[in-house]
Amino acid sequence: MTTSLPCPRCATELLLSMDRPHPRFLNTIYRRNLCPRCDAADPIAHGILAFFTVHRRVTEDNIAVFETLLREWIERTAEPPSVSPEAFAEDIEAFNRGDFDDF
């Protein structure tokens, strides 16, 4: 979580910023941001935005609710792996050649 990063879309202070491993590329992450302004119309973000509207911060008393909403947001915003059968076959061949040995 962050309280100091600006939204890359509108410069409003972000509520959350999350880095996740990319589903296909080794040693690559992708970032998901939660902006109270840019994500206000996104139904996926409504639960966690409502949480921060009511609570303003995570405490011991509300962490269970926050965890549930955060997991929901993460699951619903995750990019599904986009690997075609051809790309998968190419990765297997590259692995068998030893192309991934340095990772």
C-alpha atoms as a PDB file:
ATOM      1  CA  MET A   1       0.000   0.000   0.000  1.00  0.00           C
ATOM      2  CA  THR A   2       1.099   3.508  -0.592  1.00  0.00           C
ATOM      3  CA  THR A   3       0.204   6.976   0.534  1.00  0.00           C
ATOM      4  CA  SER A   4       2.789   8.864  -1.454  1.00  0.00           C
ATOM      5  CA  LEU A   5       2.692   7.741  -5.079  1.00  0.00           C
ATOM      6  CA  PRO A   6       0.776   9.874  -7.571  1.00  0.00           C
ATOM      7  CA  CYS A   7      -1.580   8.270 -10.048  1.00  0.00           C
ATOM      8  CA  PRO A   8       0.169   8.042 -13.423  1.00  0.00           C
ATOM      9  CA  ARG A   9      -3.133   8.949 -15.115  1.00  0.00           C
ATOM     10  CA  CYS A  10      -4.264  12.008 -13.136  1.00  0.00           C
ATOM     11  CA  ALA A  11      -1.614  12.693 -10.417  1.00  0.00           C
ATOM     12  CA  THR A  12      -4.112  12.129  -7.560  1.00  0.00           C
ATOM     13  CA  GLU A  13      -2.603  10.306  -4.584  1.00  0.00           C
ATOM     14  CA  LEU A  14      -3.049   6.553  -4.999  1.00  0.00           C
ATOM     15  CA  LEU A  15      -4.806   4.434  -2.401  1.00  0.00           C
ATOM     16  CA  LEU A  16      -2.953   1.277  -3.404  1.00  0.00           C
ATOM     17  CA  SER A  17      -0.169   0.253  -5.707  1.00  0.00           C
ATOM     18  CA  MET A  18       0.534  -3.416  -6.225  1.00  0.00           C
ATOM     19  CA  ASP A  19       3.303  -5.155  -8.138  1.00  0.00           C
ATOM     20  CA  ARG A  20       2.582  -8.660  -9.397  1.00  0.00           C
ATOM     21  CA  PRO A  21       4.682 -11.149 -11.315  1.00  0.00           C
ATOM     22  CA  HIS A  22       3.845 -11.143 -14.976  1.00  0.00           C
ATOM     23  CA  PRO A  23       1.986 -14.338 -15.911  1.00  0.00           C
ATOM     24  CA  ARG A  24       4.242 -15.045 -18.888  1.00  0.00           C
ATOM     25  CA  PHE A  25       7.571 -13.220 -18.702  1.00  0.00           C
ATOM     26  CA  LEU A  26      10.234 -14.255 -16.209  1.00  0.00           C
ATOM     27  CA  ASN A  27      11.662 -11.535 -13.979  1.00  0.00           C
ATOM     28  CA  THR A  28       8.929  -9.120 -15.054  1.00  0.00           C
ATOM     29  CA  ILE A  29       6.295  -7.451 -12.944  1.00  0.00           C
ATOM     30  CA  TYR A  30       3.257  -5.423 -13.763  1.00  0.00           C
ATOM     31  CA  ARG A  31       1.761  -2.786 -11.545  1.00  0.00           C
ATOM     32  CA  ARG A  32      -1.859  -2.245 -10.598  1.00  0.00           C
ATOM     33  CA  ASN A  33      -2.826   1.085  -9.093  1.00  0.00           C
ATOM     34  CA  LEU A  34      -5.995   2.076  -7.292  1.00  0.00           C
ATOM     35  CA  CYS A  35      -6.879   5.731  -7.763  1.00  0.00           C
ATOM     36  CA  PRO A  36      -9.943   7.195  -6.056  1.00  0.00           C
ATOM     37  CA  ARG A  37     -10.571   9.471  -9.041  1.00  0.00           C
ATOM     38  CA  CYS A  38      -9.703   7.321 -12.076  1.00  0.00           C
ATOM     39  CA  ASP A  39     -11.183   4.092 -10.704  1.00  0.00           C
ATOM     40  CA  ALA A  40     -14.378   5.606  -9.285  1.00  0.00           C
ATOM     41  CA  ALA A  41     -16.496   4.325 -12.190  1.00  0.00           C
ATOM     42  CA  ASP A  42     -14.912   0.856 -12.214  1.00  0.00           C
ATOM     43  CA  PRO A  43     -17.276  -1.660 -10.553  1.00  0.00           C
ATOM     44  CA  ILE A  44     -14.314  -3.913  -9.744  1.00  0.00           C
ATOM     45  CA  ALA A  45     -12.882  -1.176  -7.515  1.00  0.00           C
ATOM     46  CA  HIS A  46     -16.108  -0.144  -5.760  1.00  0.00           C
ATOM     47  CA  GLY A  47     -15.685  -2.406  -2.709  1.00  0.00           C
ATOM     48  CA  ILE A  48     -12.190  -1.315  -1.841  1.00  0.00           C
ATOM     49  CA  LEU A  49     -12.927   2.336  -2.671  1.00  0.00           C
ATOM     50  CA  ALA A  50     -15.924   2.201  -0.320  1.00  0.00           C
ATOM     51  CA  PHE A  51     -13.698   0.712   2.369  1.00  0.00           C
ATOM     52  CA  PHE A  52     -11.283   3.638   2.159  1.00  0.00           C
ATOM     53  CA  THR A  53     -14.143   6.124   2.073  1.00  0.00           C
ATOM     54  CA  VAL A  54     -15.470   4.754   5.361  1.00  0.00           C
ATOM     55  CA  HIS A  55     -12.248   3.793   7.142  1.00  0.00           C
ATOM     56  CA  ARG A  56      -9.514   5.993   5.604  1.00  0.00           C
ATOM     57  CA  ARG A  57      -6.856   3.505   6.777  1.00  0.00           C
ATOM     58  CA  VAL A  58      -6.347  -0.138   7.685  1.00  0.00           C
ATOM     59  CA  THR A  59      -6.362  -0.936  11.402  1.00  0.00           C
ATOM     60  CA  GLU A  60      -6.463  -4.093  13.515  1.00  0.00           C
ATOM     61  CA  ASP A  61     -10.238  -3.672  13.808  1.00  0.00           C
ATOM     62  CA  ASN A  62     -10.945  -3.609  10.068  1.00  0.00           C
ATOM     63  CA  ILE A  63      -8.104  -5.652   8.590  1.00  0.00           C
ATOM     64  CA  ALA A  64     -10.283  -8.741   7.980  1.00  0.00           C
ATOM     65  CA  VAL A  65     -12.726  -6.722   5.875  1.00  0.00           C
ATOM     66  CA  PHE A  66      -9.848  -5.041   4.067  1.00  0.00           C
ATOM     67  CA  GLU A  67      -8.193  -8.393   3.337  1.00  0.00           C
ATOM     68  CA  THR A  68     -11.391  -9.760   1.802  1.00  0.00           C
ATOM     69  CA  LEU A  69     -11.875  -6.695  -0.395  1.00  0.00           C
ATOM     70  CA  LEU A  70      -8.208  -6.586  -1.375  1.00  0.00           C
ATOM     71  CA  ARG A  71      -8.198 -10.250  -2.419  1.00  0.00           C
ATOM     72  CA  GLU A  72     -11.329  -9.658  -4.494  1.00  0.00           C
ATOM     73  CA  TRP A  73      -9.777  -6.629  -6.194  1.00  0.00           C
ATOM     74  CA  ILE A  74      -6.526  -8.492  -6.877  1.00  0.00           C
ATOM     75  CA  GLU A  75      -8.310 -11.501  -8.331  1.00  0.00           C
ATOM     76  CA  ARG A  76     -10.591  -9.391 -10.509  1.00  0.00           C
ATOM     77  CA  THR A  77      -7.817  -7.118 -11.806  1.00  0.00           C
ATOM     78  CA  ALA A  78      -5.276  -9.865 -12.484  1.00  0.00           C
ATOM     79  CA  GLU A  79      -4.323 -10.257 -16.094  1.00  0.00           C
ATOM     80  CA  PRO A  80      -5.014 -13.794 -17.193  1.00  0.00           C
ATOM     81  CA  PRO A  81      -2.061 -15.573 -18.691  1.00  0.00           C
ATOM     82  CA  SER A  82      -2.080 -14.972 -22.405  1.00  0.00           C
ATOM     83  CA  VAL A  83      -0.015 -17.774 -23.813  1.00  0.00           C
ATOM     84  CA  SER A  84      -0.897 -19.171 -27.188  1.00  0.00           C
ATOM     85  CA  PRO A  85      -0.146 -22.810 -27.897  1.00  0.00           C
ATOM     86  CA  GLU A  86       2.523 -21.653 -30.339  1.00  0.00           C
ATOM     87  CA  ALA A  87       4.218 -19.396 -27.783  1.00  0.00           C
ATOM     88  CA  PHE A  88       4.098 -22.184 -25.205  1.00  0.00           C
ATOM     89  CA  ALA A  89       5.732 -24.608 -27.653  1.00  0.00           C
ATOM     90  CA  GLU A  90       8.427 -22.005 -28.399  1.00  0.00           C
ATOM     91  CA  ASP A  91       9.107 -21.581 -24.673  1.00  0.00           C
ATOM     92  CA  ILE A  92       9.431 -25.353 -24.239  1.00  0.00           C
ATOM     93  CA  GLU A  93      11.910 -25.507 -27.112  1.00  0.00           C
ATOM     94  CA  ALA A  94      13.885 -22.583 -25.668  1.00  0.00           C
ATOM     95  CA  PHE A  95      13.924 -24.261 -22.252  1.00  0.00           C
ATOM     96  CA  ASN A  96      15.169 -27.510 -23.772  1.00  0.00           C
ATOM     97  CA  ARG A  97      17.947 -25.595 -25.579  1.00  0.00           C
ATOM     98  CA  GLY A  98      18.994 -24.069 -22.262  1.00  0.00           C
ATOM     99  CA  ASP A  99      17.958 -20.519 -23.121  1.00  0.00           C
ATOM    100  CA  PHE A 100      16.496 -20.007 -19.632  1.00  0.00           C
ATOM    101  CA  ASP A 101      19.489 -21.365 -17.733  1.00  0.00           C
ATOM    102  CA  ASP A 102      20.747 -17.875 -16.798  1.00  0.00           C
ATOM    103  CA  PHE A 103      17.528 -16.804 -15.035  1.00  0.00           C
END
